[in-house]
N, C-alpha and C. Protein backbone atom coordinates (compact mmCIF):
# COMPACT_ATOMS: atom_id res chain seq x y z
N MET A 1 182.70 117.29 133.68
CA MET A 1 181.50 116.45 133.66
C MET A 1 181.83 115.05 134.17
N TYR A 2 181.05 114.58 135.14
CA TYR A 2 181.26 113.23 135.64
C TYR A 2 180.61 112.21 134.71
N VAL A 3 181.37 111.20 134.31
CA VAL A 3 180.83 110.11 133.49
C VAL A 3 181.17 108.79 134.18
N LYS A 4 180.16 107.99 134.43
CA LYS A 4 180.39 106.70 135.10
C LYS A 4 181.33 105.83 134.27
N LYS A 5 182.29 105.25 134.94
CA LYS A 5 183.27 104.41 134.26
C LYS A 5 182.60 103.34 133.41
N GLY A 6 182.99 103.27 132.16
CA GLY A 6 182.47 102.24 131.27
C GLY A 6 181.16 102.57 130.59
N LEU A 7 180.52 103.70 130.98
CA LEU A 7 179.23 104.04 130.38
C LEU A 7 179.44 104.84 129.09
N ASP A 8 178.94 104.31 128.01
CA ASP A 8 179.04 104.97 126.70
C ASP A 8 177.63 105.04 126.11
N ILE A 9 177.07 106.25 126.05
CA ILE A 9 175.71 106.41 125.52
C ILE A 9 175.71 107.05 124.14
N SER A 10 176.85 106.94 123.45
CA SER A 10 176.96 107.62 122.15
C SER A 10 175.99 107.06 121.11
N ALA A 11 175.78 105.75 121.13
CA ALA A 11 174.84 105.12 120.19
C ALA A 11 173.93 104.21 121.01
N TYR A 12 172.70 104.67 121.23
CA TYR A 12 171.82 104.11 122.26
C TYR A 12 170.56 103.57 121.56
N PHE A 13 170.32 102.29 121.73
CA PHE A 13 169.21 101.61 121.05
C PHE A 13 168.13 101.23 122.04
N VAL A 14 166.91 101.69 121.78
CA VAL A 14 165.75 101.37 122.61
C VAL A 14 164.85 100.41 121.83
N VAL A 15 164.44 99.32 122.46
CA VAL A 15 163.67 98.33 121.69
C VAL A 15 162.80 97.48 122.60
N GLY A 16 161.68 97.04 122.07
CA GLY A 16 160.79 96.10 122.73
C GLY A 16 160.07 95.30 121.67
N PRO A 17 159.32 94.28 122.05
CA PRO A 17 158.68 93.40 121.07
C PRO A 17 157.68 94.10 120.17
N GLU A 18 157.14 95.24 120.60
CA GLU A 18 156.19 95.95 119.74
C GLU A 18 156.85 96.78 118.65
N ASN A 19 158.20 96.80 118.62
CA ASN A 19 158.92 97.66 117.67
C ASN A 19 159.63 96.91 116.55
N THR A 20 159.52 95.61 116.49
CA THR A 20 160.42 94.85 115.61
C THR A 20 159.75 94.22 114.39
N LYS A 21 158.52 94.59 114.12
CA LYS A 21 157.76 93.97 113.02
C LYS A 21 157.71 92.45 113.19
N GLU A 22 157.49 92.04 114.45
CA GLU A 22 157.33 90.64 114.83
C GLU A 22 158.59 89.79 114.65
N ARG A 23 159.73 90.44 114.49
CA ARG A 23 161.00 89.73 114.45
C ARG A 23 161.52 89.60 115.88
N PRO A 24 162.37 88.60 116.17
CA PRO A 24 162.88 88.43 117.53
C PRO A 24 163.67 89.65 117.99
N VAL A 25 163.38 90.11 119.18
CA VAL A 25 164.08 91.28 119.73
C VAL A 25 165.58 91.01 119.80
N ALA A 26 165.95 89.81 120.24
CA ALA A 26 167.37 89.48 120.41
C ALA A 26 168.14 89.57 119.10
N ALA A 27 167.49 89.18 118.01
CA ALA A 27 168.16 89.23 116.70
C ALA A 27 168.46 90.67 116.29
N ILE A 28 167.53 91.57 116.58
CA ILE A 28 167.73 92.98 116.24
C ILE A 28 168.82 93.58 117.12
N ILE A 29 168.82 93.20 118.40
CA ILE A 29 169.87 93.69 119.31
C ILE A 29 171.23 93.18 118.86
N LYS A 30 171.29 91.94 118.44
CA LYS A 30 172.55 91.37 117.95
C LYS A 30 173.10 92.20 116.79
N ASP A 31 172.22 92.58 115.87
CA ASP A 31 172.64 93.42 114.73
C ASP A 31 173.13 94.79 115.20
N ALA A 32 172.40 95.40 116.14
CA ALA A 32 172.76 96.73 116.62
C ALA A 32 174.12 96.71 117.34
N VAL A 33 174.33 95.70 118.17
CA VAL A 33 175.59 95.59 118.90
C VAL A 33 176.75 95.33 117.94
N ALA A 34 176.52 94.46 116.96
CA ALA A 34 177.56 94.18 115.96
C ALA A 34 177.92 95.43 115.16
N ALA A 35 176.93 96.31 114.98
CA ALA A 35 177.15 97.54 114.21
C ALA A 35 177.85 98.62 115.03
N GLY A 36 177.95 98.41 116.34
CA GLY A 36 178.67 99.38 117.16
C GLY A 36 177.83 100.17 118.14
N PHE A 37 176.56 99.79 118.31
CA PHE A 37 175.76 100.47 119.34
C PHE A 37 176.34 100.16 120.72
N THR A 38 176.30 101.16 121.59
CA THR A 38 177.03 101.09 122.85
C THR A 38 176.13 100.94 124.07
N CYS A 39 174.82 101.06 123.87
CA CYS A 39 173.88 100.98 124.98
C CYS A 39 172.56 100.44 124.45
N VAL A 40 171.95 99.53 125.20
CA VAL A 40 170.67 98.93 124.80
C VAL A 40 169.68 99.08 125.95
N GLN A 41 168.52 99.61 125.63
CA GLN A 41 167.45 99.71 126.63
C GLN A 41 166.26 98.87 126.17
N ILE A 42 165.81 97.97 127.06
CA ILE A 42 164.61 97.18 126.78
C ILE A 42 163.41 97.96 127.30
N ARG A 43 162.48 98.27 126.39
CA ARG A 43 161.30 99.06 126.77
C ARG A 43 160.06 98.44 126.15
N SER A 44 159.10 98.11 127.01
CA SER A 44 157.82 97.60 126.51
C SER A 44 156.73 97.92 127.51
N LYS A 45 155.64 98.47 127.01
CA LYS A 45 154.47 98.73 127.85
C LYS A 45 153.45 97.60 127.70
N MET A 46 153.76 96.61 126.86
CA MET A 46 152.82 95.53 126.57
C MET A 46 153.26 94.19 127.16
N ALA A 47 154.57 93.95 127.20
CA ALA A 47 155.07 92.64 127.64
C ALA A 47 154.85 92.45 129.14
N SER A 48 154.58 91.23 129.55
CA SER A 48 154.46 90.90 130.97
C SER A 48 155.85 90.91 131.60
N ALA A 49 155.88 90.87 132.93
CA ALA A 49 157.16 90.83 133.63
C ALA A 49 157.99 89.62 133.20
N ARG A 50 157.33 88.46 133.11
CA ARG A 50 158.05 87.25 132.71
C ARG A 50 158.59 87.36 131.28
N GLU A 51 157.78 87.94 130.40
CA GLU A 51 158.24 88.12 129.01
C GLU A 51 159.42 89.07 128.96
N LEU A 52 159.35 90.14 129.75
CA LEU A 52 160.46 91.09 129.79
C LEU A 52 161.73 90.44 130.31
N ILE A 53 161.62 89.66 131.34
CA ILE A 53 162.80 88.99 131.90
C ILE A 53 163.44 88.09 130.85
N GLU A 54 162.63 87.37 130.09
CA GLU A 54 163.18 86.49 129.05
C GLU A 54 163.86 87.31 127.94
N ILE A 55 163.26 88.43 127.56
CA ILE A 55 163.88 89.31 126.56
C ILE A 55 165.22 89.84 127.08
N ILE A 56 165.24 90.23 128.35
CA ILE A 56 166.47 90.75 128.95
C ILE A 56 167.53 89.65 129.00
N ARG A 57 167.12 88.44 129.33
CA ARG A 57 168.07 87.31 129.35
C ARG A 57 168.69 87.13 127.96
N GLN A 58 167.86 87.13 126.95
CA GLN A 58 168.36 86.95 125.59
C GLN A 58 169.26 88.11 125.16
N ALA A 59 168.87 89.32 125.54
CA ALA A 59 169.69 90.49 125.21
C ALA A 59 171.06 90.41 125.89
N SER A 60 171.05 90.04 127.16
CA SER A 60 172.30 89.91 127.91
C SER A 60 173.20 88.84 127.28
N ASP A 61 172.59 87.73 126.86
CA ASP A 61 173.36 86.66 126.21
C ASP A 61 173.97 87.13 124.89
N VAL A 62 173.20 87.88 124.12
CA VAL A 62 173.67 88.39 122.82
C VAL A 62 174.88 89.32 123.02
N ILE A 63 174.77 90.19 124.02
CA ILE A 63 175.86 91.12 124.31
C ILE A 63 177.10 90.36 124.79
N SER A 64 176.88 89.35 125.62
CA SER A 64 177.98 88.53 126.12
C SER A 64 178.66 87.76 124.99
N GLU A 65 177.85 87.19 124.11
CA GLU A 65 178.39 86.41 122.99
C GLU A 65 179.21 87.28 122.05
N ALA A 66 178.89 88.57 122.01
CA ALA A 66 179.66 89.50 121.17
C ALA A 66 180.93 89.96 121.88
N GLY A 67 181.12 89.50 123.13
CA GLY A 67 182.30 89.90 123.90
C GLY A 67 182.25 91.33 124.37
N LYS A 68 181.02 91.87 124.57
CA LYS A 68 180.89 93.29 124.88
C LYS A 68 180.15 93.56 126.19
N SER A 69 180.16 92.59 127.10
CA SER A 69 179.45 92.77 128.37
C SER A 69 179.99 93.94 129.18
N ASP A 70 181.28 94.26 129.01
CA ASP A 70 181.88 95.37 129.75
C ASP A 70 181.83 96.68 128.98
N GLU A 71 181.35 96.63 127.74
CA GLU A 71 181.33 97.83 126.89
C GLU A 71 179.92 98.33 126.62
N VAL A 72 178.97 97.42 126.48
CA VAL A 72 177.60 97.78 126.13
C VAL A 72 176.71 97.67 127.37
N ALA A 73 176.15 98.78 127.79
CA ALA A 73 175.27 98.77 128.96
C ALA A 73 173.89 98.26 128.56
N LEU A 74 173.34 97.36 129.36
CA LEU A 74 171.98 96.85 129.15
C LEU A 74 171.08 97.44 130.24
N LEU A 75 170.11 98.23 129.81
CA LEU A 75 169.21 98.93 130.72
C LEU A 75 167.77 98.50 130.47
N VAL A 76 166.91 98.74 131.45
CA VAL A 76 165.49 98.43 131.33
C VAL A 76 164.71 99.71 131.62
N ASP A 77 163.69 99.96 130.82
CA ASP A 77 162.86 101.14 131.01
C ASP A 77 161.86 100.92 132.14
N ASP A 78 161.91 101.77 133.16
CA ASP A 78 160.82 101.91 134.13
C ASP A 78 160.70 100.79 135.16
N ARG A 79 160.92 99.54 134.78
CA ARG A 79 160.52 98.39 135.60
C ARG A 79 161.62 97.96 136.58
N LEU A 80 161.64 98.62 137.73
CA LEU A 80 162.60 98.24 138.77
C LEU A 80 162.38 96.80 139.22
N ASP A 81 161.12 96.38 139.29
CA ASP A 81 160.83 95.00 139.71
C ASP A 81 161.44 93.99 138.76
N VAL A 82 161.38 94.31 137.47
CA VAL A 82 161.92 93.39 136.46
C VAL A 82 163.45 93.35 136.53
N VAL A 83 164.07 94.51 136.73
CA VAL A 83 165.54 94.54 136.87
C VAL A 83 165.97 93.67 138.05
N LEU A 84 165.30 93.83 139.18
CA LEU A 84 165.66 93.07 140.38
C LEU A 84 165.42 91.57 140.18
N ALA A 85 164.30 91.24 139.54
CA ALA A 85 164.00 89.82 139.30
C ALA A 85 165.00 89.20 138.34
N ALA A 86 165.38 89.95 137.30
CA ALA A 86 166.37 89.45 136.34
C ALA A 86 167.72 89.22 137.03
N ARG A 87 168.13 90.17 137.84
CA ARG A 87 169.39 90.01 138.57
C ARG A 87 169.35 88.82 139.52
N LYS A 88 168.20 88.62 140.13
CA LYS A 88 168.03 87.48 141.05
C LYS A 88 168.24 86.16 140.31
N GLN A 89 167.92 86.17 139.02
CA GLN A 89 168.10 84.97 138.20
C GLN A 89 169.49 84.88 137.57
N GLY A 90 170.36 85.81 137.95
CA GLY A 90 171.74 85.77 137.47
C GLY A 90 171.97 86.46 136.15
N ILE A 91 171.00 87.23 135.69
CA ILE A 91 171.14 87.94 134.42
C ILE A 91 171.86 89.26 134.65
N LYS A 92 172.84 89.57 133.81
CA LYS A 92 173.58 90.83 133.95
C LYS A 92 172.76 91.98 133.37
N VAL A 93 172.25 92.82 134.24
CA VAL A 93 171.52 94.02 133.84
C VAL A 93 172.23 95.20 134.48
N ASP A 94 172.58 96.19 133.69
CA ASP A 94 173.43 97.27 134.19
C ASP A 94 172.66 98.39 134.87
N GLY A 95 171.35 98.49 134.61
CA GLY A 95 170.62 99.57 135.26
C GLY A 95 169.26 99.81 134.68
N ILE A 96 168.78 101.02 134.90
CA ILE A 96 167.39 101.37 134.59
C ILE A 96 167.31 102.77 134.01
N HIS A 97 166.27 103.00 133.21
CA HIS A 97 165.95 104.36 132.74
C HIS A 97 164.53 104.66 133.21
N VAL A 98 164.37 105.83 133.84
CA VAL A 98 163.05 106.19 134.34
C VAL A 98 162.63 107.56 133.82
N GLY A 99 161.32 107.75 133.77
CA GLY A 99 160.75 109.05 133.42
C GLY A 99 160.39 109.81 134.68
N GLN A 100 159.92 111.04 134.48
CA GLN A 100 159.61 111.88 135.62
C GLN A 100 158.46 111.34 136.47
N SER A 101 157.58 110.55 135.86
CA SER A 101 156.42 110.03 136.61
C SER A 101 156.59 108.56 136.99
N ASP A 102 157.80 108.01 136.76
CA ASP A 102 158.07 106.62 137.11
C ASP A 102 158.59 106.54 138.56
N ILE A 103 159.12 105.40 138.91
CA ILE A 103 159.69 105.21 140.25
C ILE A 103 160.79 106.24 140.50
N PRO A 104 160.79 106.91 141.64
CA PRO A 104 161.80 107.94 141.92
C PRO A 104 163.22 107.40 141.84
N VAL A 105 164.14 108.24 141.38
CA VAL A 105 165.52 107.78 141.19
C VAL A 105 166.16 107.37 142.52
N GLU A 106 165.76 108.02 143.63
CA GLU A 106 166.38 107.65 144.90
C GLU A 106 166.00 106.23 145.31
N VAL A 107 164.80 105.80 144.93
CA VAL A 107 164.38 104.42 145.22
C VAL A 107 165.19 103.45 144.33
N CYS A 108 165.33 103.81 143.06
CA CYS A 108 166.13 102.98 142.14
C CYS A 108 167.55 102.83 142.65
N ARG A 109 168.14 103.96 143.07
CA ARG A 109 169.52 103.91 143.54
C ARG A 109 169.65 103.06 144.81
N GLU A 110 168.68 103.18 145.71
CA GLU A 110 168.71 102.40 146.95
C GLU A 110 168.71 100.91 146.67
N TYR A 111 167.88 100.49 145.73
CA TYR A 111 167.75 99.06 145.45
C TYR A 111 168.81 98.52 144.50
N LEU A 112 169.30 99.36 143.59
CA LEU A 112 170.23 98.88 142.57
C LEU A 112 171.69 99.08 142.94
N GLY A 113 171.96 100.00 143.85
CA GLY A 113 173.34 100.20 144.28
C GLY A 113 174.09 101.24 143.49
N ASP A 114 175.26 101.62 144.02
CA ASP A 114 176.03 102.72 143.43
C ASP A 114 176.62 102.40 142.07
N ASN A 115 176.85 101.13 141.79
CA ASN A 115 177.51 100.77 140.53
C ASN A 115 176.56 100.64 139.35
N SER A 116 175.26 100.71 139.61
CA SER A 116 174.28 100.59 138.52
C SER A 116 174.14 101.91 137.78
N VAL A 117 173.70 101.81 136.54
CA VAL A 117 173.43 103.00 135.72
C VAL A 117 171.97 103.40 135.91
N ILE A 118 171.74 104.68 136.18
CA ILE A 118 170.37 105.20 136.24
C ILE A 118 170.27 106.41 135.33
N GLY A 119 169.40 106.32 134.34
CA GLY A 119 169.14 107.43 133.43
C GLY A 119 167.76 108.00 133.70
N LEU A 120 167.61 109.28 133.45
CA LEU A 120 166.34 109.97 133.71
C LEU A 120 165.93 110.81 132.52
N SER A 121 164.67 110.71 132.13
CA SER A 121 164.15 111.57 131.07
C SER A 121 164.07 113.00 131.60
N ALA A 122 164.72 113.92 130.93
CA ALA A 122 164.71 115.31 131.35
C ALA A 122 163.31 115.89 131.20
N ARG A 123 162.92 116.68 132.16
CA ARG A 123 161.58 117.24 132.17
C ARG A 123 161.37 118.14 130.96
N THR A 124 160.24 117.95 130.27
CA THR A 124 159.92 118.78 129.11
C THR A 124 159.58 120.20 129.54
N HIS A 125 158.77 120.31 130.58
CA HIS A 125 158.34 121.63 131.05
C HIS A 125 159.51 122.35 131.72
N GLU A 126 159.74 123.58 131.30
CA GLU A 126 160.82 124.39 131.87
C GLU A 126 162.16 123.64 131.83
N LEU A 127 162.48 123.09 130.66
CA LEU A 127 163.62 122.20 130.52
C LEU A 127 164.93 122.81 131.00
N PHE A 128 165.24 124.02 130.54
CA PHE A 128 166.55 124.58 130.85
C PHE A 128 166.69 124.94 132.33
N GLU A 129 165.62 125.44 132.91
CA GLU A 129 165.64 125.72 134.34
C GLU A 129 165.82 124.42 135.11
N TYR A 130 165.15 123.39 134.64
CA TYR A 130 165.24 122.08 135.30
C TYR A 130 166.66 121.54 135.25
N ILE A 131 167.28 121.60 134.08
CA ILE A 131 168.64 121.09 133.92
C ILE A 131 169.60 121.83 134.84
N ASN A 132 169.36 123.13 135.00
CA ASN A 132 170.23 123.95 135.85
C ASN A 132 170.09 123.65 137.33
N THR A 133 168.89 123.21 137.74
CA THR A 133 168.60 123.10 139.18
C THR A 133 168.41 121.67 139.67
N ALA A 134 168.29 120.72 138.78
CA ALA A 134 168.02 119.33 139.18
C ALA A 134 169.18 118.75 139.98
N ASP A 135 168.83 117.94 140.96
CA ASP A 135 169.84 117.20 141.72
C ASP A 135 170.26 115.99 140.89
N VAL A 136 171.48 116.03 140.40
CA VAL A 136 171.94 114.95 139.52
C VAL A 136 172.85 113.96 140.24
N SER A 137 172.89 114.05 141.56
CA SER A 137 173.83 113.22 142.31
C SER A 137 173.51 111.72 142.22
N LEU A 138 172.26 111.39 141.90
CA LEU A 138 171.86 109.99 141.86
C LEU A 138 171.68 109.44 140.45
N ILE A 139 171.87 110.28 139.43
CA ILE A 139 171.65 109.83 138.05
C ILE A 139 172.92 109.98 137.22
N ASP A 140 172.99 109.19 136.16
CA ASP A 140 174.21 109.13 135.34
C ASP A 140 174.09 109.83 134.00
N TYR A 141 172.87 110.00 133.52
CA TYR A 141 172.68 110.72 132.26
C TYR A 141 171.23 111.18 132.15
N PHE A 142 171.03 112.19 131.32
CA PHE A 142 169.69 112.64 130.96
C PHE A 142 169.33 112.13 129.56
N GLY A 143 168.10 111.69 129.38
CA GLY A 143 167.55 111.45 128.05
C GLY A 143 166.66 112.63 127.70
N ALA A 144 166.83 113.20 126.52
CA ALA A 144 166.08 114.40 126.15
C ALA A 144 165.51 114.27 124.74
N GLY A 145 164.46 115.02 124.49
CA GLY A 145 163.82 115.02 123.18
C GLY A 145 162.36 115.41 123.32
N PRO A 146 161.55 115.18 122.30
CA PRO A 146 161.96 114.56 121.03
C PRO A 146 162.51 115.59 120.05
N LEU A 147 163.35 115.11 119.16
CA LEU A 147 163.82 115.95 118.07
C LEU A 147 162.67 116.18 117.08
N HIS A 148 161.91 115.13 116.84
CA HIS A 148 160.71 115.21 116.00
C HIS A 148 159.59 114.46 116.73
N GLU A 149 158.35 114.72 116.37
CA GLU A 149 157.26 113.91 116.91
C GLU A 149 157.45 112.47 116.42
N THR A 150 157.10 111.51 117.28
CA THR A 150 157.36 110.12 116.95
C THR A 150 156.17 109.25 117.29
N THR A 151 155.84 108.35 116.37
CA THR A 151 154.73 107.43 116.62
C THR A 151 155.13 106.32 117.57
N THR A 152 156.45 106.09 117.73
CA THR A 152 156.90 105.03 118.64
C THR A 152 156.54 105.35 120.07
N LYS A 153 156.60 106.64 120.43
CA LYS A 153 156.24 107.06 121.79
C LYS A 153 155.49 108.39 121.67
N PRO A 154 154.20 108.33 121.37
CA PRO A 154 153.42 109.55 121.08
C PRO A 154 153.41 110.57 122.20
N ASP A 155 153.61 110.11 123.46
CA ASP A 155 153.59 111.05 124.57
C ASP A 155 154.95 111.65 124.87
N CYS A 156 155.96 111.34 124.05
CA CYS A 156 157.29 111.87 124.26
C CYS A 156 157.27 113.39 124.05
N GLY A 157 157.73 114.13 125.06
CA GLY A 157 157.80 115.57 124.94
C GLY A 157 156.52 116.31 125.27
N LEU A 158 155.57 115.63 125.89
CA LEU A 158 154.32 116.31 126.24
C LEU A 158 154.57 117.38 127.29
N ASP A 159 154.08 118.59 127.01
CA ASP A 159 154.16 119.68 127.97
C ASP A 159 152.97 119.59 128.92
N LEU A 160 152.89 120.52 129.86
CA LEU A 160 151.81 120.47 130.85
C LEU A 160 150.43 120.63 130.22
N ASP A 161 150.39 121.32 129.07
CA ASP A 161 149.10 121.53 128.40
C ASP A 161 148.76 120.43 127.41
N GLY A 162 149.58 119.37 127.38
CA GLY A 162 149.28 118.23 126.52
C GLY A 162 149.79 118.35 125.10
N LYS A 163 150.54 119.41 124.80
CA LYS A 163 151.11 119.57 123.47
C LYS A 163 152.52 118.99 123.43
N VAL A 164 152.89 118.44 122.28
CA VAL A 164 154.24 117.89 122.14
C VAL A 164 155.21 119.03 121.84
N VAL A 165 156.25 119.13 122.65
CA VAL A 165 157.30 120.14 122.44
C VAL A 165 158.51 119.45 121.84
N THR A 166 158.81 119.73 120.59
CA THR A 166 160.02 119.17 119.98
C THR A 166 161.19 120.11 120.26
N ARG A 167 162.39 119.59 120.12
CA ARG A 167 163.59 120.35 120.44
C ARG A 167 164.38 120.68 119.18
N SER A 168 164.72 121.95 119.04
CA SER A 168 165.53 122.38 117.89
C SER A 168 167.00 122.04 118.16
N PHE A 169 167.81 122.10 117.12
CA PHE A 169 169.24 121.85 117.31
C PHE A 169 169.86 122.93 118.20
N ALA A 170 169.31 124.14 118.14
CA ALA A 170 169.79 125.21 119.03
C ALA A 170 169.47 124.88 120.48
N ASP A 171 168.25 124.36 120.74
CA ASP A 171 167.88 123.92 122.09
C ASP A 171 168.85 122.86 122.60
N ILE A 172 169.13 121.91 121.73
CA ILE A 172 169.96 120.77 122.13
C ILE A 172 171.39 121.21 122.41
N THR A 173 171.89 122.15 121.62
CA THR A 173 173.23 122.71 121.86
C THR A 173 173.28 123.39 123.22
N GLU A 174 172.24 124.16 123.55
CA GLU A 174 172.16 124.83 124.85
C GLU A 174 172.08 123.80 125.98
N LEU A 175 171.30 122.78 125.75
CA LEU A 175 171.14 121.71 126.74
C LEU A 175 172.48 121.05 127.05
N ALA A 176 173.25 120.78 126.00
CA ALA A 176 174.56 120.14 126.18
C ALA A 176 175.50 121.03 127.00
N LYS A 177 175.41 122.34 126.79
CA LYS A 177 176.26 123.27 127.53
C LYS A 177 175.88 123.34 129.00
N LEU A 178 174.58 123.28 129.27
CA LEU A 178 174.08 123.46 130.64
C LEU A 178 174.19 122.22 131.51
N SER A 179 174.03 121.05 130.90
CA SER A 179 173.90 119.84 131.70
C SER A 179 175.21 119.44 132.39
N PRO A 180 175.14 119.16 133.69
CA PRO A 180 176.33 118.71 134.41
C PRO A 180 176.64 117.23 134.22
N ILE A 181 175.74 116.51 133.58
CA ILE A 181 175.93 115.08 133.31
C ILE A 181 175.68 114.83 131.83
N PRO A 182 176.10 113.67 131.30
CA PRO A 182 175.91 113.38 129.88
C PRO A 182 174.44 113.44 129.45
N VAL A 183 174.23 113.77 128.17
CA VAL A 183 172.90 113.88 127.60
C VAL A 183 172.82 113.04 126.33
N VAL A 184 171.76 112.25 126.21
CA VAL A 184 171.47 111.51 124.98
C VAL A 184 170.14 112.01 124.44
N VAL A 185 170.09 112.25 123.13
CA VAL A 185 168.91 112.87 122.51
C VAL A 185 168.31 111.93 121.48
N GLY A 186 166.98 111.84 121.48
CA GLY A 186 166.30 111.03 120.48
C GLY A 186 164.88 111.52 120.28
N GLY A 187 164.06 110.65 119.74
CA GLY A 187 162.69 111.01 119.42
C GLY A 187 162.57 111.32 117.95
N GLY A 188 162.30 110.31 117.15
CA GLY A 188 162.14 110.51 115.71
C GLY A 188 163.44 110.74 114.96
N VAL A 189 164.58 110.44 115.59
CA VAL A 189 165.88 110.69 114.96
C VAL A 189 166.07 109.77 113.75
N LYS A 190 166.49 110.38 112.66
CA LYS A 190 166.79 109.64 111.43
C LYS A 190 168.25 109.86 111.06
N LEU A 191 168.73 109.07 110.12
CA LEU A 191 170.12 109.16 109.69
C LEU A 191 170.48 110.58 109.27
N ALA A 192 169.57 111.26 108.59
CA ALA A 192 169.84 112.62 108.09
C ALA A 192 170.05 113.63 109.22
N ASP A 193 169.56 113.31 110.43
CA ASP A 193 169.72 114.22 111.58
C ASP A 193 171.08 114.09 112.25
N ILE A 194 171.74 112.96 112.06
CA ILE A 194 172.91 112.63 112.86
C ILE A 194 174.07 113.64 112.69
N PRO A 195 174.40 114.08 111.47
CA PRO A 195 175.52 115.02 111.37
C PRO A 195 175.33 116.28 112.20
N ARG A 196 174.15 116.88 112.17
CA ARG A 196 173.90 118.09 112.96
C ARG A 196 173.84 117.78 114.44
N LEU A 197 173.24 116.65 114.78
CA LEU A 197 173.11 116.28 116.19
C LEU A 197 174.50 116.04 116.80
N ALA A 198 175.39 115.44 116.04
CA ALA A 198 176.74 115.15 116.53
C ALA A 198 177.52 116.42 116.86
N LYS A 199 177.15 117.51 116.21
CA LYS A 199 177.88 118.76 116.40
C LYS A 199 177.28 119.64 117.51
N THR A 200 176.20 119.18 118.16
CA THR A 200 175.57 119.99 119.20
C THR A 200 176.29 119.91 120.54
N GLY A 201 177.14 118.90 120.69
CA GLY A 201 177.83 118.73 121.96
C GLY A 201 177.21 117.69 122.88
N VAL A 202 176.06 117.11 122.48
CA VAL A 202 175.48 116.06 123.32
C VAL A 202 176.35 114.80 123.22
N ASP A 203 176.12 113.90 124.16
CA ASP A 203 176.99 112.73 124.27
C ASP A 203 176.55 111.56 123.40
N GLY A 204 175.31 111.61 122.91
CA GLY A 204 174.85 110.52 122.08
C GLY A 204 173.46 110.73 121.54
N PHE A 205 173.03 109.79 120.70
CA PHE A 205 171.69 109.80 120.12
C PHE A 205 171.02 108.48 120.48
N PHE A 206 169.67 108.52 120.59
CA PHE A 206 168.97 107.24 120.75
C PHE A 206 167.93 107.09 119.65
N VAL A 207 167.74 105.86 119.23
CA VAL A 207 166.77 105.53 118.18
C VAL A 207 166.00 104.29 118.57
N VAL A 208 164.83 104.16 117.99
CA VAL A 208 164.03 102.95 118.11
C VAL A 208 163.81 102.41 116.70
N SER A 209 162.80 102.96 116.03
CA SER A 209 162.36 102.40 114.75
C SER A 209 163.38 102.53 113.63
N ALA A 210 164.28 103.51 113.71
CA ALA A 210 165.29 103.68 112.65
C ALA A 210 166.12 102.41 112.48
N VAL A 211 166.25 101.64 113.56
CA VAL A 211 166.95 100.35 113.49
C VAL A 211 165.96 99.20 113.56
N SER A 212 165.06 99.23 114.55
CA SER A 212 164.23 98.05 114.84
C SER A 212 163.23 97.73 113.74
N GLU A 213 162.82 98.74 112.98
CA GLU A 213 161.84 98.50 111.91
C GLU A 213 162.46 98.54 110.52
N ALA A 214 163.78 98.66 110.46
CA ALA A 214 164.47 98.71 109.17
C ALA A 214 164.42 97.34 108.49
N ASP A 215 164.41 97.35 107.18
CA ASP A 215 164.47 96.09 106.43
C ASP A 215 165.77 95.36 106.72
N ASN A 216 166.85 96.13 106.88
CA ASN A 216 168.16 95.56 107.21
C ASN A 216 168.70 96.30 108.44
N PRO A 217 168.32 95.83 109.64
CA PRO A 217 168.69 96.55 110.85
C PRO A 217 170.20 96.77 111.02
N LYS A 218 170.99 95.76 110.68
CA LYS A 218 172.44 95.89 110.86
C LYS A 218 173.01 96.97 109.96
N LEU A 219 172.54 97.03 108.73
CA LEU A 219 173.02 98.04 107.80
C LEU A 219 172.66 99.44 108.28
N GLU A 220 171.41 99.63 108.71
CA GLU A 220 170.98 100.96 109.17
C GLU A 220 171.70 101.35 110.45
N ALA A 221 171.89 100.37 111.35
CA ALA A 221 172.61 100.65 112.59
C ALA A 221 174.05 101.07 112.30
N THR A 222 174.67 100.38 111.36
CA THR A 222 176.05 100.71 110.99
C THR A 222 176.15 102.12 110.42
N LYS A 223 175.20 102.49 109.57
CA LYS A 223 175.20 103.85 108.99
C LYS A 223 175.08 104.90 110.08
N LEU A 224 174.20 104.66 111.05
CA LEU A 224 174.01 105.61 112.14
C LEU A 224 175.28 105.78 112.96
N VAL A 225 175.89 104.67 113.35
CA VAL A 225 177.10 104.72 114.17
C VAL A 225 178.25 105.40 113.42
N GLU A 226 178.46 105.01 112.18
CA GLU A 226 179.57 105.57 111.42
C GLU A 226 179.37 107.05 111.14
N THR A 227 178.12 107.45 110.89
CA THR A 227 177.84 108.86 110.63
C THR A 227 178.06 109.69 111.89
N TRP A 228 177.65 109.16 113.03
CA TRP A 228 177.90 109.84 114.31
C TRP A 228 179.39 110.02 114.53
N LYS A 229 180.14 108.96 114.39
CA LYS A 229 181.59 109.01 114.65
C LYS A 229 182.30 109.97 113.71
N SER A 230 181.88 110.00 112.45
CA SER A 230 182.58 110.84 111.47
C SER A 230 182.24 112.31 111.60
N ASN A 231 181.16 112.62 112.30
CA ASN A 231 180.74 114.02 112.46
C ASN A 231 180.96 114.57 113.87
N LYS A 232 181.27 113.69 114.83
CA LYS A 232 181.48 114.13 116.21
C LYS A 232 182.84 114.82 116.32
N PRO A 233 182.86 116.07 116.76
CA PRO A 233 184.16 116.75 116.92
C PRO A 233 185.06 116.01 117.90
N GLN A 234 186.31 115.93 117.58
CA GLN A 234 187.26 115.22 118.45
C GLN A 234 187.78 116.14 119.55
């Protein structure tokens, strides 16, 4: 399996201003990074481009201040324009995550270059056939799920008929075996899911509200990371 140098998606945190109970996004990211999260994705369908750029700037600064700019990847959901604008302002952004209906990965790769990280949400419909046949030459990892239905992203896992398809641990184990690139799984993931998820063979888990809406984000983030590490087969 090809893994981009320096990319670690084992503990992947997705966050935007609508997920933090009105607390500063940067403060929550600081807690997650201190707890050992290895990848941060800024995702917001509400924030303006300028607001997103400022959030990304703060996130990049927090990661830098922790001395982890080379260890923790900072990604942006969907917004290629925002990634390019942030980079133009000198902000370190490592790449982008896109869905099947977002900007095509070949366009992202053309504009962001070979050294950037590009993640893609794996297609819900005909998932296993898709994983087997998809051209992965331009992407670095698949995001898959949901494990459970989630209010954070209600359309996560929508099939062609508009129903949410959740993924069993057996599905996820099969997915890990089939995928030629790393896989990160999320969607309603809670601490209690981590031991079983760690044993499926996937490369990581992603969470939003389990950390961002916690009363003590650093404590919850630490529990998630430590539980993953202690249950992941060596």
